[in-house]
Amino acid sequence: MSDEKVKIVFPFSDIIRDKVPKAFEVAENAVNQWKNNEKFENLGLSNPIAEIAAVKTLETAKNVEKKLEEKGVFAIAKMGSEIAKNKLNQLLKKS
C-alpha cells in the first residue's frame, strides 16, 4: 500500500475548498481509500445513513472495477483509444 495521499485539484478548486472544506476532506478520504484498495470506512460523513449508503456504493463500484479489470476491458479500451489517437494524428498530418 502507498502512503502517498491524493489531493483533489482542478481549476478554482481552492475557492471551493475554502467554502466547503468538509466535502473535499470526505472526497479525498474516499479517493485515497479507493486508490490504496482499503476497506471503505470512516469516510467522514456526519449522517450515518449517508455514510452507509456511500460505503455500499463505493464497495459496489470497486467490485465492478475489479471484474472489468479481470476481463481485460480496461486494456481493450486503452488499446482502442490508442488506435483512435493514431488515426486522428494521421488525419491531421494529411490536412
N, C-alpha and C. Protein backbone atom coordinates (compact mmCIF):
# COMPACT_ATOMS: atom_id res chain seq x y z
N MET A 1 0.84 -1.19 0.00
CA MET A 1 0.00 0.00 0.00
C MET A 1 0.87 1.24 0.00
N SER A 2 0.33 2.27 -0.58
CA SER A 2 1.07 3.51 -0.72
C SER A 2 0.67 4.51 0.36
N ASP A 3 1.67 5.23 0.84
CA ASP A 3 1.38 6.27 1.83
C ASP A 3 1.10 7.60 1.16
N GLU A 4 1.25 7.64 -0.17
CA GLU A 4 1.02 8.87 -0.91
C GLU A 4 -0.45 9.24 -0.86
N LYS A 5 -0.73 10.48 -0.48
CA LYS A 5 -2.11 10.95 -0.36
C LYS A 5 -2.50 11.74 -1.60
N VAL A 6 -3.72 11.54 -2.05
CA VAL A 6 -4.24 12.26 -3.20
C VAL A 6 -4.85 13.57 -2.71
N LYS A 7 -4.56 14.63 -3.45
CA LYS A 7 -5.19 15.91 -3.18
C LYS A 7 -5.96 16.29 -4.44
N ILE A 8 -7.25 16.50 -4.30
CA ILE A 8 -8.09 16.84 -5.44
C ILE A 8 -7.84 18.29 -5.81
N VAL A 9 -7.42 18.49 -7.07
CA VAL A 9 -7.11 19.83 -7.56
C VAL A 9 -7.67 19.96 -8.97
N PHE A 10 -8.38 21.02 -9.21
CA PHE A 10 -8.89 21.37 -10.53
C PHE A 10 -9.04 22.88 -10.56
N PRO A 11 -9.29 23.47 -11.73
CA PRO A 11 -9.40 24.93 -11.78
C PRO A 11 -10.39 25.46 -10.75
N PHE A 12 -9.95 26.41 -9.96
CA PHE A 12 -10.75 27.08 -8.92
C PHE A 12 -11.11 26.18 -7.75
N SER A 13 -10.46 25.01 -7.64
CA SER A 13 -10.77 24.12 -6.52
C SER A 13 -10.41 24.76 -5.19
N ASP A 14 -9.40 25.62 -5.19
CA ASP A 14 -9.01 26.27 -3.94
C ASP A 14 -10.13 27.16 -3.40
N ILE A 15 -10.87 27.79 -4.29
CA ILE A 15 -12.01 28.63 -3.87
C ILE A 15 -13.11 27.76 -3.27
N ILE A 16 -13.41 26.67 -3.96
CA ILE A 16 -14.46 25.77 -3.47
C ILE A 16 -14.02 25.12 -2.17
N ARG A 17 -12.75 24.74 -2.10
CA ARG A 17 -12.22 24.11 -0.88
C ARG A 17 -12.38 25.05 0.32
N ASP A 18 -12.18 26.36 0.09
CA ASP A 18 -12.36 27.33 1.17
C ASP A 18 -13.81 27.40 1.63
N LYS A 19 -14.75 27.23 0.70
CA LYS A 19 -16.18 27.33 1.03
C LYS A 19 -16.72 26.06 1.68
N VAL A 20 -16.29 24.91 1.19
CA VAL A 20 -16.79 23.63 1.72
C VAL A 20 -15.64 22.65 1.95
N PRO A 21 -14.81 22.93 2.93
CA PRO A 21 -13.65 22.07 3.17
C PRO A 21 -14.01 20.64 3.55
N LYS A 22 -15.12 20.46 4.21
CA LYS A 22 -15.54 19.11 4.64
C LYS A 22 -15.81 18.21 3.42
N ALA A 23 -16.40 18.78 2.37
CA ALA A 23 -16.68 18.00 1.17
C ALA A 23 -15.39 17.49 0.54
N PHE A 24 -14.36 18.33 0.50
CA PHE A 24 -13.08 17.91 -0.04
C PHE A 24 -12.42 16.86 0.85
N GLU A 25 -12.56 17.03 2.15
CA GLU A 25 -11.99 16.06 3.08
C GLU A 25 -12.61 14.68 2.87
N VAL A 26 -13.92 14.63 2.74
CA VAL A 26 -14.63 13.37 2.52
C VAL A 26 -14.23 12.77 1.17
N ALA A 27 -14.21 13.60 0.12
CA ALA A 27 -13.87 13.12 -1.22
C ALA A 27 -12.43 12.58 -1.26
N GLU A 28 -11.51 13.31 -0.69
CA GLU A 28 -10.12 12.88 -0.70
C GLU A 28 -9.92 11.62 0.14
N ASN A 29 -10.65 11.50 1.21
CA ASN A 29 -10.60 10.30 2.03
C ASN A 29 -11.08 9.09 1.20
N ALA A 30 -12.18 9.25 0.49
CA ALA A 30 -12.71 8.16 -0.34
C ALA A 30 -11.74 7.81 -1.46
N VAL A 31 -11.17 8.82 -2.11
CA VAL A 31 -10.23 8.58 -3.20
C VAL A 31 -9.00 7.83 -2.70
N ASN A 32 -8.49 8.24 -1.57
CA ASN A 32 -7.30 7.57 -1.02
C ASN A 32 -7.60 6.13 -0.64
N GLN A 33 -8.76 5.88 -0.07
CA GLN A 33 -9.13 4.50 0.27
C GLN A 33 -9.30 3.67 -1.00
N TRP A 34 -9.87 4.28 -2.05
CA TRP A 34 -10.04 3.59 -3.33
C TRP A 34 -8.68 3.25 -3.91
N LYS A 35 -7.82 4.25 -3.99
CA LYS A 35 -6.50 4.09 -4.61
C LYS A 35 -5.67 3.04 -3.89
N ASN A 36 -5.76 3.00 -2.58
CA ASN A 36 -4.95 2.07 -1.78
C ASN A 36 -5.65 0.74 -1.52
N ASN A 37 -6.77 0.50 -2.20
CA ASN A 37 -7.54 -0.73 -2.05
C ASN A 37 -7.87 -1.04 -0.60
N GLU A 38 -8.20 0.01 0.13
CA GLU A 38 -8.58 -0.16 1.52
C GLU A 38 -10.08 -0.43 1.62
N LYS A 39 -10.49 -0.94 2.76
CA LYS A 39 -11.91 -1.12 3.03
C LYS A 39 -12.49 0.26 3.31
N PHE A 40 -13.57 0.58 2.66
CA PHE A 40 -14.18 1.90 2.84
C PHE A 40 -14.83 2.00 4.21
N GLU A 41 -14.24 2.81 5.04
CA GLU A 41 -14.81 3.05 6.36
C GLU A 41 -14.36 4.42 6.84
N ASN A 42 -15.14 4.99 7.70
CA ASN A 42 -14.84 6.31 8.25
C ASN A 42 -14.57 7.34 7.16
N LEU A 43 -15.53 7.46 6.24
CA LEU A 43 -15.37 8.45 5.17
C LEU A 43 -15.43 9.87 5.71
N GLY A 44 -16.14 10.03 6.81
CA GLY A 44 -16.21 11.36 7.41
C GLY A 44 -17.55 12.05 7.21
N LEU A 45 -18.55 11.32 6.74
CA LEU A 45 -19.88 11.92 6.59
C LEU A 45 -20.54 12.01 7.96
N SER A 46 -21.23 13.11 8.19
CA SER A 46 -21.84 13.31 9.51
C SER A 46 -23.13 12.51 9.70
N ASN A 47 -23.80 12.16 8.62
CA ASN A 47 -25.03 11.40 8.70
C ASN A 47 -24.70 9.91 8.55
N PRO A 48 -25.03 9.09 9.55
CA PRO A 48 -24.67 7.67 9.48
C PRO A 48 -25.34 6.93 8.32
N ILE A 49 -26.54 7.32 7.97
CA ILE A 49 -27.22 6.66 6.84
C ILE A 49 -26.52 7.02 5.53
N ALA A 50 -26.12 8.27 5.38
CA ALA A 50 -25.37 8.69 4.20
C ALA A 50 -24.03 7.97 4.13
N GLU A 51 -23.41 7.79 5.28
CA GLU A 51 -22.12 7.07 5.36
C GLU A 51 -22.29 5.63 4.88
N ILE A 52 -23.32 4.95 5.36
CA ILE A 52 -23.58 3.56 4.97
C ILE A 52 -23.86 3.48 3.47
N ALA A 53 -24.68 4.39 2.96
CA ALA A 53 -25.00 4.40 1.53
C ALA A 53 -23.76 4.65 0.69
N ALA A 54 -22.93 5.59 1.11
CA ALA A 54 -21.70 5.90 0.36
C ALA A 54 -20.75 4.71 0.37
N VAL A 55 -20.60 4.07 1.51
CA VAL A 55 -19.70 2.92 1.62
C VAL A 55 -20.19 1.79 0.72
N LYS A 56 -21.47 1.49 0.76
CA LYS A 56 -22.03 0.41 -0.07
C LYS A 56 -21.84 0.72 -1.55
N THR A 57 -22.08 1.96 -1.93
CA THR A 57 -21.92 2.37 -3.33
C THR A 57 -20.47 2.25 -3.77
N LEU A 58 -19.55 2.71 -2.94
CA LEU A 58 -18.12 2.62 -3.27
C LEU A 58 -17.66 1.17 -3.35
N GLU A 59 -18.13 0.33 -2.44
CA GLU A 59 -17.77 -1.10 -2.48
C GLU A 59 -18.27 -1.75 -3.76
N THR A 60 -19.50 -1.44 -4.15
CA THR A 60 -20.06 -1.99 -5.38
C THR A 60 -19.27 -1.52 -6.59
N ALA A 61 -18.96 -0.23 -6.65
CA ALA A 61 -18.19 0.31 -7.77
C ALA A 61 -16.80 -0.32 -7.84
N LYS A 62 -16.17 -0.51 -6.71
CA LYS A 62 -14.83 -1.11 -6.69
C LYS A 62 -14.89 -2.56 -7.16
N ASN A 63 -15.94 -3.28 -6.79
CA ASN A 63 -16.11 -4.67 -7.26
C ASN A 63 -16.32 -4.71 -8.77
N VAL A 64 -17.09 -3.77 -9.30
CA VAL A 64 -17.29 -3.70 -10.75
C VAL A 64 -15.96 -3.41 -11.44
N GLU A 65 -15.19 -2.47 -10.88
CA GLU A 65 -13.88 -2.16 -11.45
C GLU A 65 -12.99 -3.41 -11.49
N LYS A 66 -12.97 -4.16 -10.41
CA LYS A 66 -12.15 -5.38 -10.35
C LYS A 66 -12.58 -6.39 -11.40
N LYS A 67 -13.89 -6.57 -11.57
CA LYS A 67 -14.39 -7.52 -12.57
C LYS A 67 -14.03 -7.07 -13.98
N LEU A 68 -14.16 -5.78 -14.26
CA LEU A 68 -13.80 -5.27 -15.58
C LEU A 68 -12.30 -5.43 -15.83
N GLU A 69 -11.51 -5.20 -14.80
CA GLU A 69 -10.07 -5.35 -14.92
C GLU A 69 -9.70 -6.80 -15.20
N GLU A 70 -10.34 -7.73 -14.50
CA GLU A 70 -10.08 -9.16 -14.69
C GLU A 70 -10.42 -9.62 -16.10
N LYS A 71 -11.47 -9.05 -16.68
CA LYS A 71 -11.90 -9.44 -18.02
C LYS A 71 -11.13 -8.72 -19.12
N GLY A 72 -10.23 -7.81 -18.75
CA GLY A 72 -9.40 -7.13 -19.75
C GLY A 72 -10.09 -5.96 -20.43
N VAL A 73 -11.19 -5.51 -19.89
CA VAL A 73 -11.94 -4.42 -20.52
C VAL A 73 -11.12 -3.14 -20.58
N PHE A 74 -10.38 -2.85 -19.52
CA PHE A 74 -9.59 -1.61 -19.50
C PHE A 74 -8.47 -1.67 -20.53
N ALA A 75 -7.86 -2.83 -20.68
CA ALA A 75 -6.79 -2.98 -21.67
C ALA A 75 -7.33 -2.79 -23.08
N ILE A 76 -8.49 -3.35 -23.35
CA ILE A 76 -9.11 -3.21 -24.66
C ILE A 76 -9.49 -1.75 -24.92
N ALA A 77 -10.04 -1.10 -23.92
CA ALA A 77 -10.42 0.31 -24.07
C ALA A 77 -9.19 1.18 -24.30
N LYS A 78 -8.12 0.90 -23.60
CA LYS A 78 -6.89 1.67 -23.77
C LYS A 78 -6.34 1.47 -25.18
N MET A 79 -6.37 0.23 -25.64
CA MET A 79 -5.89 -0.07 -26.99
C MET A 79 -6.75 0.66 -28.03
N GLY A 80 -8.06 0.65 -27.82
CA GLY A 80 -8.97 1.35 -28.73
C GLY A 80 -8.71 2.83 -28.76
N SER A 81 -8.44 3.42 -27.61
CA SER A 81 -8.16 4.86 -27.58
C SER A 81 -6.84 5.18 -28.26
N GLU A 82 -5.86 4.29 -28.14
CA GLU A 82 -4.57 4.50 -28.83
C GLU A 82 -4.75 4.42 -30.34
N ILE A 83 -5.55 3.47 -30.81
CA ILE A 83 -5.82 3.35 -32.24
C ILE A 83 -6.52 4.61 -32.75
N ALA A 84 -7.52 5.07 -32.01
CA ALA A 84 -8.24 6.28 -32.41
C ALA A 84 -7.31 7.49 -32.43
N LYS A 85 -6.44 7.58 -31.44
CA LYS A 85 -5.49 8.70 -31.38
C LYS A 85 -4.55 8.67 -32.58
N ASN A 86 -4.05 7.49 -32.92
CA ASN A 86 -3.15 7.36 -34.07
C ASN A 86 -3.86 7.72 -35.37
N LYS A 87 -5.10 7.29 -35.53
CA LYS A 87 -5.85 7.62 -36.75
C LYS A 87 -6.10 9.12 -36.83
N LEU A 88 -6.41 9.73 -35.71
CA LEU A 88 -6.62 11.18 -35.68
C LEU A 88 -5.34 11.90 -36.05
N ASN A 89 -4.21 11.46 -35.52
CA ASN A 89 -2.94 12.07 -35.87
C ASN A 89 -2.62 11.93 -37.36
N GLN A 90 -2.96 10.76 -37.93
CA GLN A 90 -2.76 10.56 -39.37
C GLN A 90 -3.63 11.51 -40.17
N LEU A 91 -4.88 11.67 -39.76
CA LEU A 91 -5.77 12.60 -40.45
C LEU A 91 -5.28 14.03 -40.37
N LEU A 92 -4.78 14.41 -39.21
CA LEU A 92 -4.28 15.78 -39.03
C LEU A 92 -3.03 16.01 -39.86
N LYS A 93 -2.19 15.00 -40.03
CA LYS A 93 -0.98 15.14 -40.85
C LYS A 93 -1.33 15.31 -42.33
N LYS A 94 -2.42 14.68 -42.77
CA LYS A 94 -2.84 14.80 -44.17
C LYS A 94 -3.41 16.16 -44.48
N SER A 95 -3.92 16.85 -43.48
CA SER A 95 -4.57 18.16 -43.69
C SER A 95 -3.58 19.23 -44.02
